[in-house]
Amino acid sequence: MNLFFKNSSKWVLMSAAILVIFGCESNFKEVQKINFSEFVPNSDADMVDLKYTDSGRITAVLVSKQMLDYSSVDFPFSEFPKGIDVTLFDKNQKKTFIKADYAVSYKRTNIIDLQGKVKIYTELGQMLETEQLYFDQKNEWFFTERKFKLSDPKGVSNGQGIDFSKDFKVINSQKITGELESNE
């Protein structure tokens, strides 16, 4: 009888071990979720029409189908996943227009990252097209290292790498090809 208890106790212990191993649900996914924090916007706005002013004068108008605000993260930003349409006004109310498929505005650096089909053009017929363009809001300066096409009433040029003022009065370009008339 002692042999029976030894053999049956082995079977009972083995059965219990098997039940413990295979009988419990895997909670690994639940354990992973404990340390997971979702990256969600503080606010989400549809059909945005923002007007920026300085001393009572409108300096910019931003229109977008959607804006996601991430102001509570360590490096706060606003995202425009459905693109933007911006009109900038200078002191003489001359306009510069910007269109992009996607944009991110970083609050601490005042840099806007424009992506996709990016077009910027003036009332005077100057237009720049590129895949990505940055705008330094503080200095009112655009720049990119990507390929670009610059159209002007004086001609068309292509290149890679350019920076310029928002009114196109100062343009510094790199690796440029094409023909433009010059006053020099």
N, C-alpha and C. Protein backbone atom coordinates (compact mmCIF):
# COMPACT_ATOMS: atom_id res chain seq x y z
N MET A 1 0.81 -1.18 0.00
CA MET A 1 0.00 0.00 0.00
C MET A 1 0.87 1.26 0.00
N ASN A 2 2.00 1.16 0.62
CA ASN A 2 2.92 2.27 0.64
C ASN A 2 3.37 2.62 -0.77
N LEU A 3 3.57 1.62 -1.61
CA LEU A 3 3.96 1.83 -3.00
C LEU A 3 2.84 2.53 -3.76
N PHE A 4 1.59 2.17 -3.46
CA PHE A 4 0.44 2.80 -4.11
C PHE A 4 0.40 4.30 -3.80
N PHE A 5 0.63 4.65 -2.53
CA PHE A 5 0.61 6.06 -2.15
C PHE A 5 1.77 6.84 -2.76
N LYS A 6 2.94 6.21 -2.87
CA LYS A 6 4.09 6.87 -3.47
C LYS A 6 3.81 7.17 -4.95
N ASN A 7 3.29 6.16 -5.67
CA ASN A 7 3.00 6.35 -7.09
C ASN A 7 1.85 7.33 -7.30
N SER A 8 0.82 7.21 -6.50
CA SER A 8 -0.33 8.11 -6.67
C SER A 8 0.02 9.54 -6.23
N SER A 9 0.87 9.66 -5.21
CA SER A 9 1.25 11.02 -4.80
C SER A 9 2.10 11.68 -5.88
N LYS A 10 2.92 10.89 -6.61
CA LYS A 10 3.68 11.44 -7.73
C LYS A 10 2.72 11.92 -8.82
N TRP A 11 1.70 11.08 -9.09
CA TRP A 11 0.72 11.45 -10.12
C TRP A 11 -0.07 12.68 -9.71
N VAL A 12 -0.40 12.77 -8.45
CA VAL A 12 -1.15 13.92 -7.96
C VAL A 12 -0.30 15.18 -8.06
N LEU A 13 0.97 15.11 -7.68
CA LEU A 13 1.87 16.25 -7.77
C LEU A 13 2.10 16.65 -9.22
N MET A 14 2.28 15.66 -10.10
CA MET A 14 2.48 15.96 -11.52
C MET A 14 1.22 16.58 -12.11
N SER A 15 0.08 16.06 -11.77
CA SER A 15 -1.19 16.60 -12.27
C SER A 15 -1.40 18.03 -11.77
N ALA A 16 -1.08 18.27 -10.53
CA ALA A 16 -1.23 19.62 -9.98
C ALA A 16 -0.28 20.59 -10.68
N ALA A 17 0.96 20.16 -10.93
CA ALA A 17 1.92 21.01 -11.62
C ALA A 17 1.45 21.34 -13.03
N ILE A 18 0.93 20.33 -13.72
CA ILE A 18 0.42 20.53 -15.08
C ILE A 18 -0.76 21.49 -15.06
N LEU A 19 -1.66 21.34 -14.12
CA LEU A 19 -2.80 22.24 -14.01
C LEU A 19 -2.36 23.67 -13.73
N VAL A 20 -1.36 23.82 -12.87
CA VAL A 20 -0.86 25.16 -12.56
C VAL A 20 -0.24 25.79 -13.80
N ILE A 21 0.56 25.01 -14.53
CA ILE A 21 1.25 25.55 -15.69
C ILE A 21 0.27 25.88 -16.82
N PHE A 22 -0.60 24.93 -17.15
CA PHE A 22 -1.48 25.12 -18.29
C PHE A 22 -2.87 25.65 -17.93
N GLY A 23 -3.24 25.56 -16.70
CA GLY A 23 -4.58 25.94 -16.30
C GLY A 23 -4.75 27.43 -16.07
N CYS A 24 -3.70 28.15 -15.79
CA CYS A 24 -3.80 29.58 -15.53
C CYS A 24 -3.77 30.35 -16.85
N GLU A 25 -4.54 31.41 -16.90
CA GLU A 25 -4.53 32.28 -18.08
C GLU A 25 -3.24 33.05 -18.12
N SER A 26 -2.79 33.38 -19.31
CA SER A 26 -1.60 34.20 -19.44
C SER A 26 -2.00 35.66 -19.25
N ASN A 27 -1.47 36.27 -18.22
CA ASN A 27 -1.75 37.67 -17.93
C ASN A 27 -0.61 38.58 -18.38
N PHE A 28 0.25 38.07 -19.24
CA PHE A 28 1.39 38.85 -19.69
C PHE A 28 0.95 40.15 -20.35
N LYS A 29 -0.07 40.11 -21.18
CA LYS A 29 -0.56 41.33 -21.85
C LYS A 29 -1.09 42.33 -20.82
N GLU A 30 -1.76 41.85 -19.81
CA GLU A 30 -2.28 42.73 -18.76
C GLU A 30 -1.15 43.37 -17.97
N VAL A 31 -0.09 42.59 -17.70
CA VAL A 31 1.06 43.12 -16.97
C VAL A 31 1.74 44.19 -17.81
N GLN A 32 1.83 43.97 -19.13
CA GLN A 32 2.43 44.98 -20.00
C GLN A 32 1.64 46.29 -19.97
N LYS A 33 0.32 46.22 -19.92
CA LYS A 33 -0.52 47.41 -19.94
C LYS A 33 -0.36 48.26 -18.68
N ILE A 34 0.07 47.67 -17.59
CA ILE A 34 0.23 48.40 -16.34
C ILE A 34 1.25 49.52 -16.51
N ASN A 35 2.36 49.23 -17.18
CA ASN A 35 3.42 50.22 -17.37
C ASN A 35 3.27 51.03 -18.65
N PHE A 36 2.17 50.89 -19.35
CA PHE A 36 1.96 51.57 -20.62
C PHE A 36 1.14 52.83 -20.40
N SER A 37 1.66 53.96 -20.87
CA SER A 37 0.88 55.19 -20.80
C SER A 37 0.55 55.60 -22.23
N GLU A 38 -0.69 55.85 -22.48
CA GLU A 38 -1.12 56.22 -23.82
C GLU A 38 -0.68 57.62 -24.17
N PHE A 39 -0.32 57.81 -25.44
CA PHE A 39 0.08 59.10 -25.96
C PHE A 39 -1.14 59.67 -26.67
N VAL A 40 -1.96 60.37 -25.92
CA VAL A 40 -3.20 60.89 -26.47
C VAL A 40 -3.21 62.41 -26.36
N PRO A 41 -3.86 63.08 -27.30
CA PRO A 41 -3.89 64.54 -27.24
C PRO A 41 -4.76 65.05 -26.09
N ASN A 42 -4.41 66.24 -25.59
CA ASN A 42 -5.23 66.89 -24.56
C ASN A 42 -6.56 67.33 -25.14
N SER A 43 -6.51 67.77 -26.40
CA SER A 43 -7.73 68.20 -27.06
C SER A 43 -7.64 67.90 -28.55
N ASP A 44 -8.80 67.81 -29.16
CA ASP A 44 -8.92 67.48 -30.58
C ASP A 44 -9.97 68.42 -31.14
N ALA A 45 -9.60 69.20 -32.15
CA ALA A 45 -10.55 70.15 -32.73
C ALA A 45 -10.70 69.89 -34.22
N ASP A 46 -11.91 69.96 -34.69
CA ASP A 46 -12.22 69.82 -36.12
C ASP A 46 -12.56 71.19 -36.68
N MET A 47 -12.21 71.40 -37.95
CA MET A 47 -12.48 72.66 -38.67
C MET A 47 -11.98 73.87 -37.87
N VAL A 48 -10.67 73.97 -37.77
CA VAL A 48 -10.02 75.04 -37.01
C VAL A 48 -9.81 76.26 -37.90
N ASP A 49 -10.09 77.44 -37.36
CA ASP A 49 -9.85 78.71 -38.04
C ASP A 49 -9.27 79.67 -36.99
N LEU A 50 -7.93 79.73 -36.92
CA LEU A 50 -7.25 80.53 -35.90
C LEU A 50 -6.72 81.82 -36.50
N LYS A 51 -6.88 82.90 -35.78
CA LYS A 51 -6.34 84.19 -36.21
C LYS A 51 -5.34 84.65 -35.16
N TYR A 52 -4.12 84.95 -35.61
CA TYR A 52 -3.05 85.42 -34.74
C TYR A 52 -2.96 86.93 -34.90
N THR A 53 -2.84 87.64 -33.79
CA THR A 53 -2.77 89.10 -33.83
C THR A 53 -1.55 89.60 -33.08
N ASP A 54 -1.12 90.80 -33.45
CA ASP A 54 -0.05 91.50 -32.76
C ASP A 54 -0.45 92.97 -32.71
N SER A 55 -0.68 93.48 -31.53
CA SER A 55 -1.10 94.88 -31.34
C SER A 55 -2.38 95.20 -32.12
N GLY A 56 -3.30 94.28 -32.13
CA GLY A 56 -4.58 94.49 -32.80
C GLY A 56 -4.56 94.25 -34.30
N ARG A 57 -3.41 93.93 -34.87
CA ARG A 57 -3.28 93.68 -36.31
C ARG A 57 -3.18 92.18 -36.54
N ILE A 58 -3.95 91.64 -37.49
CA ILE A 58 -3.88 90.22 -37.82
C ILE A 58 -2.55 89.94 -38.52
N THR A 59 -1.78 88.99 -37.97
CA THR A 59 -0.49 88.64 -38.56
C THR A 59 -0.54 87.31 -39.30
N ALA A 60 -1.51 86.45 -38.95
CA ALA A 60 -1.62 85.15 -39.61
C ALA A 60 -3.02 84.58 -39.40
N VAL A 61 -3.45 83.80 -40.38
CA VAL A 61 -4.71 83.06 -40.28
C VAL A 61 -4.38 81.61 -40.63
N LEU A 62 -4.73 80.69 -39.75
CA LEU A 62 -4.48 79.27 -39.95
C LEU A 62 -5.81 78.55 -40.04
N VAL A 63 -5.99 77.77 -41.10
CA VAL A 63 -7.21 76.97 -41.29
C VAL A 63 -6.78 75.51 -41.45
N SER A 64 -7.47 74.62 -40.73
CA SER A 64 -7.17 73.20 -40.80
C SER A 64 -8.43 72.39 -40.52
N LYS A 65 -8.50 71.20 -41.10
CA LYS A 65 -9.64 70.32 -40.85
C LYS A 65 -9.57 69.65 -39.49
N GLN A 66 -8.32 69.50 -38.95
CA GLN A 66 -8.17 68.88 -37.64
C GLN A 66 -6.91 69.35 -36.96
N MET A 67 -7.00 69.59 -35.66
CA MET A 67 -5.85 69.95 -34.84
C MET A 67 -5.85 69.09 -33.58
N LEU A 68 -4.72 68.47 -33.29
CA LEU A 68 -4.54 67.69 -32.07
C LEU A 68 -3.54 68.43 -31.19
N ASP A 69 -3.91 68.70 -29.95
CA ASP A 69 -3.06 69.47 -29.05
C ASP A 69 -2.43 68.54 -28.01
N TYR A 70 -1.11 68.52 -27.99
CA TYR A 70 -0.35 67.72 -27.03
C TYR A 70 0.41 68.67 -26.10
N SER A 71 -0.28 69.48 -25.36
CA SER A 71 0.36 70.49 -24.52
C SER A 71 0.84 69.96 -23.18
N SER A 72 0.47 68.75 -22.78
CA SER A 72 0.88 68.24 -21.47
C SER A 72 2.09 67.29 -21.55
N VAL A 73 2.64 67.07 -22.72
CA VAL A 73 3.82 66.21 -22.84
C VAL A 73 5.08 67.03 -22.55
N ASP A 74 6.21 66.35 -22.38
CA ASP A 74 7.46 67.05 -22.03
C ASP A 74 7.87 68.07 -23.08
N PHE A 75 7.65 67.78 -24.36
CA PHE A 75 7.98 68.70 -25.45
C PHE A 75 6.68 69.01 -26.18
N PRO A 76 5.89 70.00 -25.69
CA PRO A 76 4.53 70.24 -26.20
C PRO A 76 4.50 70.65 -27.68
N PHE A 77 3.44 70.17 -28.35
CA PHE A 77 3.27 70.49 -29.77
C PHE A 77 1.81 70.38 -30.16
N SER A 78 1.49 70.94 -31.32
CA SER A 78 0.17 70.79 -31.93
C SER A 78 0.38 70.12 -33.28
N GLU A 79 -0.48 69.17 -33.58
CA GLU A 79 -0.37 68.40 -34.82
C GLU A 79 -1.57 68.69 -35.70
N PHE A 80 -1.32 68.81 -37.00
CA PHE A 80 -2.36 69.04 -37.98
C PHE A 80 -2.31 67.89 -39.00
N PRO A 81 -2.91 66.74 -38.66
CA PRO A 81 -2.77 65.54 -39.50
C PRO A 81 -3.48 65.63 -40.85
N LYS A 82 -4.43 66.54 -40.99
CA LYS A 82 -5.16 66.67 -42.26
C LYS A 82 -4.72 67.91 -43.04
N GLY A 83 -3.57 68.46 -42.68
CA GLY A 83 -3.01 69.58 -43.43
C GLY A 83 -3.40 70.94 -42.89
N ILE A 84 -2.73 71.96 -43.45
CA ILE A 84 -3.02 73.33 -43.06
C ILE A 84 -3.02 74.25 -44.27
N ASP A 85 -3.68 75.36 -44.09
CA ASP A 85 -3.72 76.44 -45.08
C ASP A 85 -3.50 77.72 -44.26
N VAL A 86 -2.35 78.37 -44.46
CA VAL A 86 -1.99 79.53 -43.65
C VAL A 86 -1.82 80.76 -44.54
N THR A 87 -2.28 81.89 -44.05
CA THR A 87 -2.03 83.18 -44.70
C THR A 87 -1.26 84.05 -43.71
N LEU A 88 -0.06 84.49 -44.13
CA LEU A 88 0.76 85.38 -43.31
C LEU A 88 0.61 86.80 -43.85
N PHE A 89 0.53 87.78 -42.96
CA PHE A 89 0.42 89.19 -43.35
C PHE A 89 1.65 89.93 -42.87
N ASP A 90 2.25 90.75 -43.75
CA ASP A 90 3.36 91.59 -43.29
C ASP A 90 2.78 92.91 -42.79
N LYS A 91 3.65 93.85 -42.44
CA LYS A 91 3.20 95.13 -41.87
C LYS A 91 2.40 95.96 -42.87
N ASN A 92 2.62 95.73 -44.17
CA ASN A 92 1.87 96.44 -45.21
C ASN A 92 0.67 95.65 -45.71
N GLN A 93 0.31 94.59 -44.98
CA GLN A 93 -0.82 93.71 -45.29
C GLN A 93 -0.62 92.91 -46.59
N LYS A 94 0.63 92.78 -47.06
CA LYS A 94 0.92 91.88 -48.18
C LYS A 94 0.88 90.46 -47.65
N LYS A 95 0.36 89.55 -48.46
CA LYS A 95 0.11 88.19 -48.01
C LYS A 95 1.11 87.19 -48.58
N THR A 96 1.41 86.20 -47.75
CA THR A 96 2.16 85.01 -48.14
C THR A 96 1.28 83.84 -47.77
N PHE A 97 1.10 82.90 -48.71
CA PHE A 97 0.20 81.76 -48.50
C PHE A 97 1.01 80.48 -48.37
N ILE A 98 0.58 79.61 -47.47
CA ILE A 98 1.26 78.34 -47.23
C ILE A 98 0.22 77.23 -47.21
N LYS A 99 0.51 76.15 -47.94
CA LYS A 99 -0.35 74.96 -47.92
C LYS A 99 0.54 73.75 -47.71
N ALA A 100 0.10 72.83 -46.84
CA ALA A 100 0.85 71.60 -46.59
C ALA A 100 -0.13 70.48 -46.24
N ASP A 101 0.25 69.25 -46.58
CA ASP A 101 -0.59 68.08 -46.29
C ASP A 101 -0.58 67.71 -44.81
N TYR A 102 0.46 68.10 -44.10
CA TYR A 102 0.64 67.73 -42.70
C TYR A 102 1.52 68.79 -42.04
N ALA A 103 1.30 69.05 -40.76
CA ALA A 103 2.13 70.03 -40.06
C ALA A 103 2.18 69.72 -38.56
N VAL A 104 3.30 70.10 -37.95
CA VAL A 104 3.47 70.02 -36.50
C VAL A 104 4.07 71.34 -36.05
N SER A 105 3.46 71.95 -35.04
CA SER A 105 3.96 73.21 -34.49
C SER A 105 4.49 72.93 -33.09
N TYR A 106 5.79 73.15 -32.91
CA TYR A 106 6.44 72.92 -31.62
C TYR A 106 6.41 74.21 -30.81
N LYS A 107 5.79 74.14 -29.63
CA LYS A 107 5.53 75.34 -28.84
C LYS A 107 6.78 75.97 -28.23
N ARG A 108 7.71 75.17 -27.75
CA ARG A 108 8.90 75.73 -27.08
C ARG A 108 9.88 76.38 -28.06
N THR A 109 10.00 75.83 -29.25
CA THR A 109 10.97 76.34 -30.21
C THR A 109 10.35 77.30 -31.22
N ASN A 110 9.03 77.35 -31.28
CA ASN A 110 8.31 78.16 -32.28
C ASN A 110 8.68 77.78 -33.70
N ILE A 111 8.94 76.49 -33.92
CA ILE A 111 9.23 75.95 -35.24
C ILE A 111 8.02 75.16 -35.72
N ILE A 112 7.64 75.37 -36.98
CA ILE A 112 6.57 74.60 -37.60
C ILE A 112 7.21 73.71 -38.65
N ASP A 113 6.90 72.42 -38.61
CA ASP A 113 7.39 71.45 -39.57
C ASP A 113 6.25 71.16 -40.55
N LEU A 114 6.42 71.58 -41.81
CA LEU A 114 5.42 71.38 -42.86
C LEU A 114 5.86 70.21 -43.72
N GLN A 115 4.95 69.27 -44.02
CA GLN A 115 5.32 68.07 -44.76
C GLN A 115 4.29 67.73 -45.82
N GLY A 116 4.70 66.84 -46.74
CA GLY A 116 3.82 66.41 -47.82
C GLY A 116 4.04 67.30 -49.03
N LYS A 117 2.98 67.65 -49.69
CA LYS A 117 3.07 68.61 -50.78
C LYS A 117 3.00 70.00 -50.16
N VAL A 118 4.16 70.63 -50.03
CA VAL A 118 4.25 71.94 -49.40
C VAL A 118 4.39 73.00 -50.49
N LYS A 119 3.52 74.00 -50.45
CA LYS A 119 3.59 75.13 -51.38
C LYS A 119 3.53 76.42 -50.57
N ILE A 120 4.41 77.33 -50.92
CA ILE A 120 4.37 78.66 -50.32
C ILE A 120 4.46 79.64 -51.48
N TYR A 121 3.57 80.63 -51.49
CA TYR A 121 3.56 81.59 -52.59
C TYR A 121 3.11 82.96 -52.11
N THR A 122 3.51 83.97 -52.90
CA THR A 122 3.21 85.36 -52.55
C THR A 122 2.24 85.95 -53.57
N GLU A 123 1.73 87.12 -53.24
CA GLU A 123 0.85 87.83 -54.16
C GLU A 123 1.60 88.28 -55.42
N LEU A 124 2.92 88.37 -55.35
CA LEU A 124 3.74 88.83 -56.47
C LEU A 124 4.09 87.70 -57.44
N GLY A 125 3.61 86.48 -57.19
CA GLY A 125 3.82 85.38 -58.12
C GLY A 125 5.01 84.49 -57.82
N GLN A 126 5.67 84.68 -56.71
CA GLN A 126 6.77 83.80 -56.32
C GLN A 126 6.19 82.57 -55.64
N MET A 127 6.73 81.38 -55.98
CA MET A 127 6.21 80.15 -55.38
C MET A 127 7.35 79.16 -55.17
N LEU A 128 7.33 78.51 -54.01
CA LEU A 128 8.28 77.46 -53.71
C LEU A 128 7.50 76.19 -53.42
N GLU A 129 7.96 75.07 -54.01
CA GLU A 129 7.34 73.77 -53.77
C GLU A 129 8.41 72.80 -53.28
N THR A 130 8.08 72.01 -52.26
CA THR A 130 9.01 71.05 -51.69
C THR A 130 8.23 69.99 -50.93
N GLU A 131 8.95 68.98 -50.40
CA GLU A 131 8.32 67.90 -49.62
C GLU A 131 8.28 68.22 -48.13
N GLN A 132 9.23 69.03 -47.67
CA GLN A 132 9.27 69.39 -46.26
C GLN A 132 9.89 70.77 -46.13
N LEU A 133 9.29 71.58 -45.27
CA LEU A 133 9.75 72.94 -45.08
C LEU A 133 9.53 73.30 -43.62
N TYR A 134 10.53 73.94 -43.02
CA TYR A 134 10.42 74.40 -41.64
C TYR A 134 10.21 75.91 -41.64
N PHE A 135 9.41 76.38 -40.67
CA PHE A 135 9.18 77.81 -40.52
C PHE A 135 9.54 78.21 -39.09
N ASP A 136 10.49 79.10 -38.96
CA ASP A 136 10.90 79.66 -37.68
C ASP A 136 10.01 80.89 -37.45
N GLN A 137 9.00 80.76 -36.62
CA GLN A 137 8.03 81.83 -36.41
C GLN A 137 8.65 83.08 -35.80
N LYS A 138 9.59 82.89 -34.90
CA LYS A 138 10.20 84.03 -34.21
C LYS A 138 10.97 84.91 -35.20
N ASN A 139 11.74 84.29 -36.09
CA ASN A 139 12.55 85.03 -37.05
C ASN A 139 11.88 85.19 -38.41
N GLU A 140 10.68 84.64 -38.56
CA GLU A 140 9.92 84.68 -39.82
C GLU A 140 10.79 84.20 -40.98
N TRP A 141 11.35 83.00 -40.81
CA TRP A 141 12.33 82.46 -41.75
C TRP A 141 11.97 81.01 -42.10
N PHE A 142 12.03 80.67 -43.37
CA PHE A 142 11.77 79.32 -43.87
C PHE A 142 13.09 78.65 -44.22
N PHE A 143 13.14 77.31 -44.07
CA PHE A 143 14.34 76.58 -44.48
C PHE A 143 14.05 75.10 -44.71
N THR A 144 14.85 74.50 -45.59
CA THR A 144 14.77 73.07 -45.86
C THR A 144 16.09 72.60 -46.45
N GLU A 145 16.35 71.32 -46.31
CA GLU A 145 17.49 70.68 -46.96
C GLU A 145 17.00 69.77 -48.08
N ARG A 146 15.71 69.74 -48.29
CA ARG A 146 15.11 68.89 -49.32
C ARG A 146 15.19 69.56 -50.69
N LYS A 147 14.85 68.77 -51.72
CA LYS A 147 14.78 69.31 -53.08
C LYS A 147 13.61 70.29 -53.15
N PHE A 148 13.76 71.31 -54.00
CA PHE A 148 12.72 72.32 -54.13
C PHE A 148 12.62 72.80 -55.56
N LYS A 149 11.50 73.45 -55.85
CA LYS A 149 11.29 74.14 -57.12
C LYS A 149 10.85 75.55 -56.77
N LEU A 150 11.59 76.53 -57.26
CA LEU A 150 11.29 77.94 -57.00
C LEU A 150 10.86 78.59 -58.31
N SER A 151 9.62 79.06 -58.34
CA SER A 151 9.09 79.75 -59.52
C SER A 151 8.95 81.22 -59.20
N ASP A 152 9.29 82.04 -60.19
CA ASP A 152 9.29 83.48 -60.02
C ASP A 152 8.92 84.06 -61.39
N PRO A 153 8.34 85.25 -61.44
CA PRO A 153 8.07 85.84 -62.75
C PRO A 153 9.34 85.95 -63.62
N LYS A 154 10.51 85.90 -62.99
CA LYS A 154 11.78 86.00 -63.72
C LYS A 154 12.30 84.65 -64.21
N GLY A 155 11.72 83.53 -63.73
CA GLY A 155 12.19 82.22 -64.15
C GLY A 155 11.89 81.14 -63.14
N VAL A 156 12.41 79.95 -63.45
CA VAL A 156 12.20 78.79 -62.59
C VAL A 156 13.56 78.17 -62.28
N SER A 157 13.75 77.76 -61.04
CA SER A 157 14.98 77.08 -60.66
C SER A 157 14.65 75.90 -59.77
N ASN A 158 15.54 74.95 -59.76
CA ASN A 158 15.42 73.77 -58.91
C ASN A 158 16.69 73.66 -58.10
N GLY A 159 16.60 73.00 -56.99
CA GLY A 159 17.78 72.83 -56.17
C GLY A 159 17.53 71.94 -54.99
N GLN A 160 18.52 71.88 -54.13
CA GLN A 160 18.39 71.13 -52.89
C GLN A 160 18.99 71.98 -51.78
N GLY A 161 18.16 72.36 -50.83
CA GLY A 161 18.58 73.20 -49.72
C GLY A 161 18.35 74.67 -50.00
N ILE A 162 17.49 75.28 -49.19
CA ILE A 162 17.18 76.70 -49.37
C ILE A 162 16.69 77.27 -48.04
N ASP A 163 16.97 78.54 -47.82
CA ASP A 163 16.35 79.26 -46.70
C ASP A 163 16.03 80.66 -47.20
N PHE A 164 14.93 81.22 -46.68
CA PHE A 164 14.47 82.51 -47.18
C PHE A 164 13.52 83.18 -46.20
N SER A 165 13.40 84.49 -46.35
CA SER A 165 12.47 85.27 -45.53
C SER A 165 11.04 85.03 -46.01
N LYS A 166 10.08 85.30 -45.14
CA LYS A 166 8.69 84.99 -45.48
C LYS A 166 8.18 85.79 -46.67
N ASP A 167 8.81 86.92 -46.98
CA ASP A 167 8.38 87.73 -48.11
C ASP A 167 9.23 87.47 -49.37
N PHE A 168 10.13 86.48 -49.32
CA PHE A 168 11.00 86.09 -50.43
C PHE A 168 12.00 87.20 -50.81
N LYS A 169 12.20 88.20 -49.97
CA LYS A 169 13.15 89.27 -50.30
C LYS A 169 14.60 88.80 -50.15
N VAL A 170 14.84 87.89 -49.21
CA VAL A 170 16.17 87.33 -49.01
C VAL A 170 16.08 85.83 -49.24
N ILE A 171 16.85 85.32 -50.22
CA ILE A 171 16.84 83.89 -50.54
C ILE A 171 18.28 83.40 -50.60
N ASN A 172 18.57 82.36 -49.84
CA ASN A 172 19.87 81.70 -49.86
C ASN A 172 19.62 80.26 -50.31
N SER A 173 20.16 79.88 -51.46
CA SER A 173 19.92 78.53 -51.96
C SER A 173 21.22 77.79 -52.17
N GLN A 174 21.12 76.47 -52.15
CA GLN A 174 22.26 75.59 -52.36
C GLN A 174 21.96 74.71 -53.56
N LYS A 175 22.97 74.21 -54.20
CA LYS A 175 22.83 73.24 -55.29
C LYS A 175 21.69 73.62 -56.23
N ILE A 176 21.74 74.78 -56.81
CA ILE A 176 20.65 75.30 -57.63
C ILE A 176 20.94 75.10 -59.12
N THR A 177 19.88 74.79 -59.87
CA THR A 177 19.97 74.72 -61.33
C THR A 177 18.78 75.49 -61.89
N GLY A 178 18.90 76.00 -63.08
CA GLY A 178 17.81 76.75 -63.70
C GLY A 178 18.27 78.13 -64.06
N GLU A 179 17.34 78.92 -64.53
CA GLU A 179 17.68 80.27 -64.97
C GLU A 179 16.76 81.28 -64.30
N LEU A 180 17.37 82.31 -63.75
CA LEU A 180 16.64 83.43 -63.16
C LEU A 180 17.30 84.72 -63.64
N GLU A 181 16.52 85.72 -63.91
CA GLU A 181 17.08 87.03 -64.25
C GLU A 181 17.65 87.64 -62.98
N SER A 182 18.69 88.39 -63.13
CA SER A 182 19.32 89.04 -61.98
C SER A 182 19.52 90.51 -62.26
N ASN A 183 19.38 91.34 -61.26
CA ASN A 183 19.62 92.77 -61.38
C ASN A 183 21.09 93.11 -61.21
N GLU A 184 21.90 92.14 -60.82
CA GLU A 184 23.33 92.38 -60.56
C GLU A 184 24.13 92.32 -61.80
